[in-house]
Amino acid sequence: MIKRSIPPKAKIIWGARVTKELHGTATVMAVLTGVESAFLRKQQKRLGPIKLPF
């Protein structure tokens, strides 16, 4: 499903984890590079440094 929705030159790195603790389910992670997103193209407002309470 992901591969059909991205440009041909984009790279996909797949990862999966199957353990007994997941009780028959799997956790899957996909890292995509070379993909453009309208969200990423928006101008982001920089807020500056954040002061930590410690």
PDB file of N, CA and C in Angstrom:
ATOM      1  N   MET A   1       0.820  -1.179   0.000  1.00  0.00           N
ATOM      2  CA  MET A   1       0.000   0.000   0.000  1.00  0.00           C
ATOM      3  C   MET A   1       0.871   1.253   0.000  1.00  0.00           C
ATOM      4  N   ILE A   2       1.906   1.292   0.817  1.00  0.00           N
ATOM      5  CA  ILE A   2       2.782   2.465   0.863  1.00  0.00           C
ATOM      6  C   ILE A   2       3.526   2.612  -0.452  1.00  0.00           C
ATOM      7  N   LYS A   3       4.028   1.520  -0.992  1.00  0.00           N
ATOM      8  CA  LYS A   3       4.843   1.572  -2.203  1.00  0.00           C
ATOM      9  C   LYS A   3       4.058   2.114  -3.396  1.00  0.00           C
ATOM     10  N   ARG A   4       2.775   1.848  -3.474  1.00  0.00           N
ATOM     11  CA  ARG A   4       1.963   2.357  -4.578  1.00  0.00           C
ATOM     12  C   ARG A   4       1.721   3.854  -4.480  1.00  0.00           C
ATOM     13  N   SER A   5       1.916   4.446  -3.318  1.00  0.00           N
ATOM     14  CA  SER A   5       1.573   5.849  -3.091  1.00  0.00           C
ATOM     15  C   SER A   5       2.755   6.804  -3.125  1.00  0.00           C
ATOM     16  N   ILE A   6       3.970   6.315  -3.335  1.00  0.00           N
ATOM     17  CA  ILE A   6       5.148   7.176  -3.289  1.00  0.00           C
ATOM     18  C   ILE A   6       5.859   7.199  -4.634  1.00  0.00           C
ATOM     19  N   PRO A   7       6.712   8.200  -4.866  1.00  0.00           N
ATOM     20  CA  PRO A   7       7.449   8.289  -6.125  1.00  0.00           C
ATOM     21  C   PRO A   7       8.385   7.090  -6.320  1.00  0.00           C
ATOM     22  N   PRO A   8       8.682   6.729  -7.572  1.00  0.00           N
ATOM     23  CA  PRO A   8       9.535   5.569  -7.855  1.00  0.00           C
ATOM     24  C   PRO A   8      10.944   5.669  -7.264  1.00  0.00           C
ATOM     25  N   LYS A   9      11.487   6.873  -7.130  1.00  0.00           N
ATOM     26  CA  LYS A   9      12.854   7.011  -6.615  1.00  0.00           C
ATOM     27  C   LYS A   9      12.925   7.100  -5.094  1.00  0.00           C
ATOM     28  N   ALA A  10      11.787   7.088  -4.431  1.00  0.00           N
ATOM     29  CA  ALA A  10      11.772   7.134  -2.965  1.00  0.00           C
ATOM     30  C   ALA A  10      12.311   5.820  -2.415  1.00  0.00           C
ATOM     31  N   LYS A  11      12.929   5.891  -1.254  1.00  0.00           N
ATOM     32  CA  LYS A  11      13.479   4.695  -0.619  1.00  0.00           C
ATOM     33  C   LYS A  11      12.634   4.337   0.597  1.00  0.00           C
ATOM     34  N   ILE A  12      12.439   3.040   0.788  1.00  0.00           N
ATOM     35  CA  ILE A  12      11.669   2.543   1.925  1.00  0.00           C
ATOM     36  C   ILE A  12      12.550   1.593   2.720  1.00  0.00           C
ATOM     37  N   ILE A  13      12.585   1.783   4.022  1.00  0.00           N
ATOM     38  CA  ILE A  13      13.275   0.856   4.920  1.00  0.00           C
ATOM     39  C   ILE A  13      12.195   0.279   5.832  1.00  0.00           C
ATOM     40  N   TRP A  14      12.037  -1.028   5.777  1.00  0.00           N
ATOM     41  CA  TRP A  14      11.007  -1.704   6.560  1.00  0.00           C
ATOM     42  C   TRP A  14      11.609  -2.322   7.805  1.00  0.00           C
ATOM     43  N   GLY A  15      10.831  -2.354   8.834  1.00  0.00           N
ATOM     44  CA  GLY A  15      11.239  -3.045  10.048  1.00  0.00           C
ATOM     45  C   GLY A  15      10.015  -3.688  10.679  1.00  0.00           C
ATOM     46  N   ALA A  16      10.202  -4.814  11.305  1.00  0.00           N
ATOM     47  CA  ALA A  16       9.088  -5.486  11.975  1.00  0.00           C
ATOM     48  C   ALA A  16       9.588  -6.107  13.263  1.00  0.00           C
ATOM     49  N   ARG A  17       8.686  -6.224  14.200  1.00  0.00           N
ATOM     50  CA  ARG A  17       9.035  -6.839  15.477  1.00  0.00           C
ATOM     51  C   ARG A  17       7.901  -7.784  15.861  1.00  0.00           C
ATOM     52  N   VAL A  18       8.251  -9.012  16.108  1.00  0.00           N
ATOM     53  CA  VAL A  18       7.273  -9.998  16.538  1.00  0.00           C
ATOM     54  C   VAL A  18       7.795 -10.617  17.826  1.00  0.00           C
ATOM     55  N   THR A  19       7.048 -10.470  18.896  1.00  0.00           N
ATOM     56  CA  THR A  19       7.442 -11.050  20.180  1.00  0.00           C
ATOM     57  C   THR A  19       6.230 -11.705  20.831  1.00  0.00           C
ATOM     58  N   LYS A  20       6.480 -12.571  21.765  1.00  0.00           N
ATOM     59  CA  LYS A  20       5.394 -13.244  22.485  1.00  0.00           C
ATOM     60  C   LYS A  20       4.526 -12.241  23.232  1.00  0.00           C
ATOM     61  N   GLU A  21       5.138 -11.167  23.711  1.00  0.00           N
ATOM     62  CA  GLU A  21       4.403 -10.170  24.483  1.00  0.00           C
ATOM     63  C   GLU A  21       3.335  -9.443  23.662  1.00  0.00           C
ATOM     64  N   LEU A  22       3.459  -9.464  22.340  1.00  0.00           N
ATOM     65  CA  LEU A  22       2.487  -8.772  21.491  1.00  0.00           C
ATOM     66  C   LEU A  22       1.229  -9.605  21.248  1.00  0.00           C
ATOM     67  N   HIS A  23       1.200 -10.834  21.726  1.00  0.00           N
ATOM     68  CA  HIS A  23       0.014 -11.693  21.671  1.00  0.00           C
ATOM     69  C   HIS A  23      -0.557 -11.826  20.261  1.00  0.00           C
ATOM     70  N   GLY A  24       0.263 -12.247  19.303  1.00  0.00           N
ATOM     71  CA  GLY A  24      -0.220 -12.501  17.949  1.00  0.00           C
ATOM     72  C   GLY A  24      -0.308 -11.282  17.056  1.00  0.00           C
ATOM     73  N   THR A  25       0.175 -10.144  17.506  1.00  0.00           N
ATOM     74  CA  THR A  25       0.188  -8.950  16.658  1.00  0.00           C
ATOM     75  C   THR A  25       1.630  -8.592  16.329  1.00  0.00           C
ATOM     76  N   ALA A  26       1.801  -7.714  15.392  1.00  0.00           N
ATOM     77  CA  ALA A  26       3.139  -7.279  14.996  1.00  0.00           C
ATOM     78  C   ALA A  26       3.189  -5.759  14.982  1.00  0.00           C
ATOM     79  N   THR A  27       4.350  -5.216  15.284  1.00  0.00           N
ATOM     80  CA  THR A  27       4.589  -3.786  15.175  1.00  0.00           C
ATOM     81  C   THR A  27       5.446  -3.579  13.937  1.00  0.00           C
ATOM     82  N   VAL A  28       5.012  -2.728  13.031  1.00  0.00           N
ATOM     83  CA  VAL A  28       5.740  -2.490  11.786  1.00  0.00           C
ATOM     84  C   VAL A  28       6.088  -1.017  11.712  1.00  0.00           C
ATOM     85  N   MET A  29       7.318  -0.722  11.276  1.00  0.00           N
ATOM     86  CA  MET A  29       7.750   0.655  11.113  1.00  0.00           C
ATOM     87  C   MET A  29       8.306   0.801   9.706  1.00  0.00           C
ATOM     88  N   ALA A  30       7.964   1.888   9.040  1.00  0.00           N
ATOM     89  CA  ALA A  30       8.500   2.179   7.716  1.00  0.00           C
ATOM     90  C   ALA A  30       9.122   3.568   7.748  1.00  0.00           C
ATOM     91  N   VAL A  31      10.351   3.685   7.251  1.00  0.00           N
ATOM     92  CA  VAL A  31      11.039   4.964   7.138  1.00  0.00           C
ATOM     93  C   VAL A  31      11.109   5.285   5.656  1.00  0.00           C
ATOM     94  N   LEU A  32      10.599   6.453   5.264  1.00  0.00           N
ATOM     95  CA  LEU A  32      10.552   6.838   3.858  1.00  0.00           C
ATOM     96  C   LEU A  32      11.436   8.048   3.620  1.00  0.00           C
ATOM     97  N   THR A  33      12.219   8.002   2.558  1.00  0.00           N
ATOM     98  CA  THR A  33      13.014   9.158   2.155  1.00  0.00           C
ATOM     99  C   THR A  33      12.703   9.467   0.703  1.00  0.00           C
ATOM    100  N   GLY A  34      12.920  10.712   0.303  1.00  0.00           N
ATOM    101  CA  GLY A  34      12.668  11.106  -1.077  1.00  0.00           C
ATOM    102  C   GLY A  34      11.197  11.355  -1.364  1.00  0.00           C
ATOM    103  N   VAL A  35      10.412  11.588  -0.328  1.00  0.00           N
ATOM    104  CA  VAL A  35       8.980  11.818  -0.476  1.00  0.00           C
ATOM    105  C   VAL A  35       8.687  13.266  -0.116  1.00  0.00           C
ATOM    106  N   GLU A  36       7.925  13.943  -0.970  1.00  0.00           N
ATOM    107  CA  GLU A  36       7.554  15.321  -0.676  1.00  0.00           C
ATOM    108  C   GLU A  36       6.200  15.344   0.015  1.00  0.00           C
ATOM    109  N   SER A  37       6.042  16.273   0.915  1.00  0.00           N
ATOM    110  CA  SER A  37       4.801  16.390   1.666  1.00  0.00           C
ATOM    111  C   SER A  37       4.401  17.855   1.743  1.00  0.00           C
ATOM    112  N   ALA A  38       3.130  18.126   1.563  1.00  0.00           N
ATOM    113  CA  ALA A  38       2.650  19.502   1.696  1.00  0.00           C
ATOM    114  C   ALA A  38       2.897  20.009   3.110  1.00  0.00           C
ATOM    115  N   PHE A  39       2.799  19.136   4.095  1.00  0.00           N
ATOM    116  CA  PHE A  39       3.055  19.518   5.480  1.00  0.00           C
ATOM    117  C   PHE A  39       4.498  19.974   5.659  1.00  0.00           C
ATOM    118  N   LEU A  40       5.444  19.280   5.051  1.00  0.00           N
ATOM    119  CA  LEU A  40       6.851  19.626   5.210  1.00  0.00           C
ATOM    120  C   LEU A  40       7.230  20.890   4.450  1.00  0.00           C
ATOM    121  N   ARG A  41       6.493  21.227   3.412  1.00  0.00           N
ATOM    122  CA  ARG A  41       6.806  22.416   2.622  1.00  0.00           C
ATOM    123  C   ARG A  41       6.314  23.702   3.269  1.00  0.00           C
ATOM    124  N   LYS A  42       5.422  23.607   4.244  1.00  0.00           N
ATOM    125  CA  LYS A  42       4.907  24.809   4.907  1.00  0.00           C
ATOM    126  C   LYS A  42       6.034  25.518   5.648  1.00  0.00           C
ATOM    127  N   GLN A  43       5.939  26.823   5.704  1.00  0.00           N
ATOM    128  CA  GLN A  43       6.900  27.597   6.485  1.00  0.00           C
ATOM    129  C   GLN A  43       6.646  27.321   7.963  1.00  0.00           C
ATOM    130  N   GLN A  44       7.652  26.930   8.642  1.00  0.00           N
ATOM    131  CA  GLN A  44       7.527  26.667  10.069  1.00  0.00           C
ATOM    132  C   GLN A  44       7.999  27.897  10.838  1.00  0.00           C
ATOM    133  N   LYS A  45       7.238  28.312  11.816  1.00  0.00           N
ATOM    134  CA  LYS A  45       7.615  29.452  12.641  1.00  0.00           C
ATOM    135  C   LYS A  45       8.593  28.979  13.705  1.00  0.00           C
ATOM    136  N   ARG A  46       9.746  29.593  13.759  1.00  0.00           N
ATOM    137  CA  ARG A  46      10.744  29.237  14.767  1.00  0.00           C
ATOM    138  C   ARG A  46      10.434  29.981  16.054  1.00  0.00           C
ATOM    139  N   LEU A  47      10.371  29.248  17.126  1.00  0.00           N
ATOM    140  CA  LEU A  47      10.043  29.852  18.414  1.00  0.00           C
ATOM    141  C   LEU A  47      11.274  30.225  19.216  1.00  0.00           C
ATOM    142  N   GLY A  48      12.433  29.732  18.836  1.00  0.00           N
ATOM    143  CA  GLY A  48      13.651  30.017  19.580  1.00  0.00           C
ATOM    144  C   GLY A  48      13.888  28.975  20.652  1.00  0.00           C
ATOM    145  N   PRO A  49      14.896  29.204  21.491  1.00  0.00           N
ATOM    146  CA  PRO A  49      15.229  28.223  22.526  1.00  0.00           C
ATOM    147  C   PRO A  49      14.108  28.086  23.553  1.00  0.00           C
ATOM    148  N   ILE A  50      13.994  26.914  24.086  1.00  0.00           N
ATOM    149  CA  ILE A  50      13.013  26.641  25.135  1.00  0.00           C
ATOM    150  C   ILE A  50      13.746  26.570  26.463  1.00  0.00           C
ATOM    151  N   LYS A  51      13.268  27.320  27.451  1.00  0.00           N
ATOM    152  CA  LYS A  51      13.887  27.290  28.777  1.00  0.00           C
ATOM    153  C   LYS A  51      13.346  26.103  29.551  1.00  0.00           C
ATOM    154  N   LEU A  52      14.232  25.275  30.034  1.00  0.00           N
ATOM    155  CA  LEU A  52      13.848  24.116  30.826  1.00  0.00           C
ATOM    156  C   LEU A  52      13.804  24.484  32.298  1.00  0.00           C
ATOM    157  N   PRO A  53      12.914  23.857  33.070  1.00  0.00           N
ATOM    158  CA  PRO A  53      12.758  24.219  34.481  1.00  0.00           C
ATOM    159  C   PRO A  53      13.870  23.705  35.391  1.00  0.00           C
ATOM    160  N   PHE A  54      14.898  23.078  34.868  1.00  0.00           N
ATOM    161  CA  PHE A  54      15.980  22.576  35.733  1.00  0.00           C
ATOM    162  C   PHE A  54      17.324  23.042  35.256  1.00  0.00           C
TER     163      PHE A  54
END
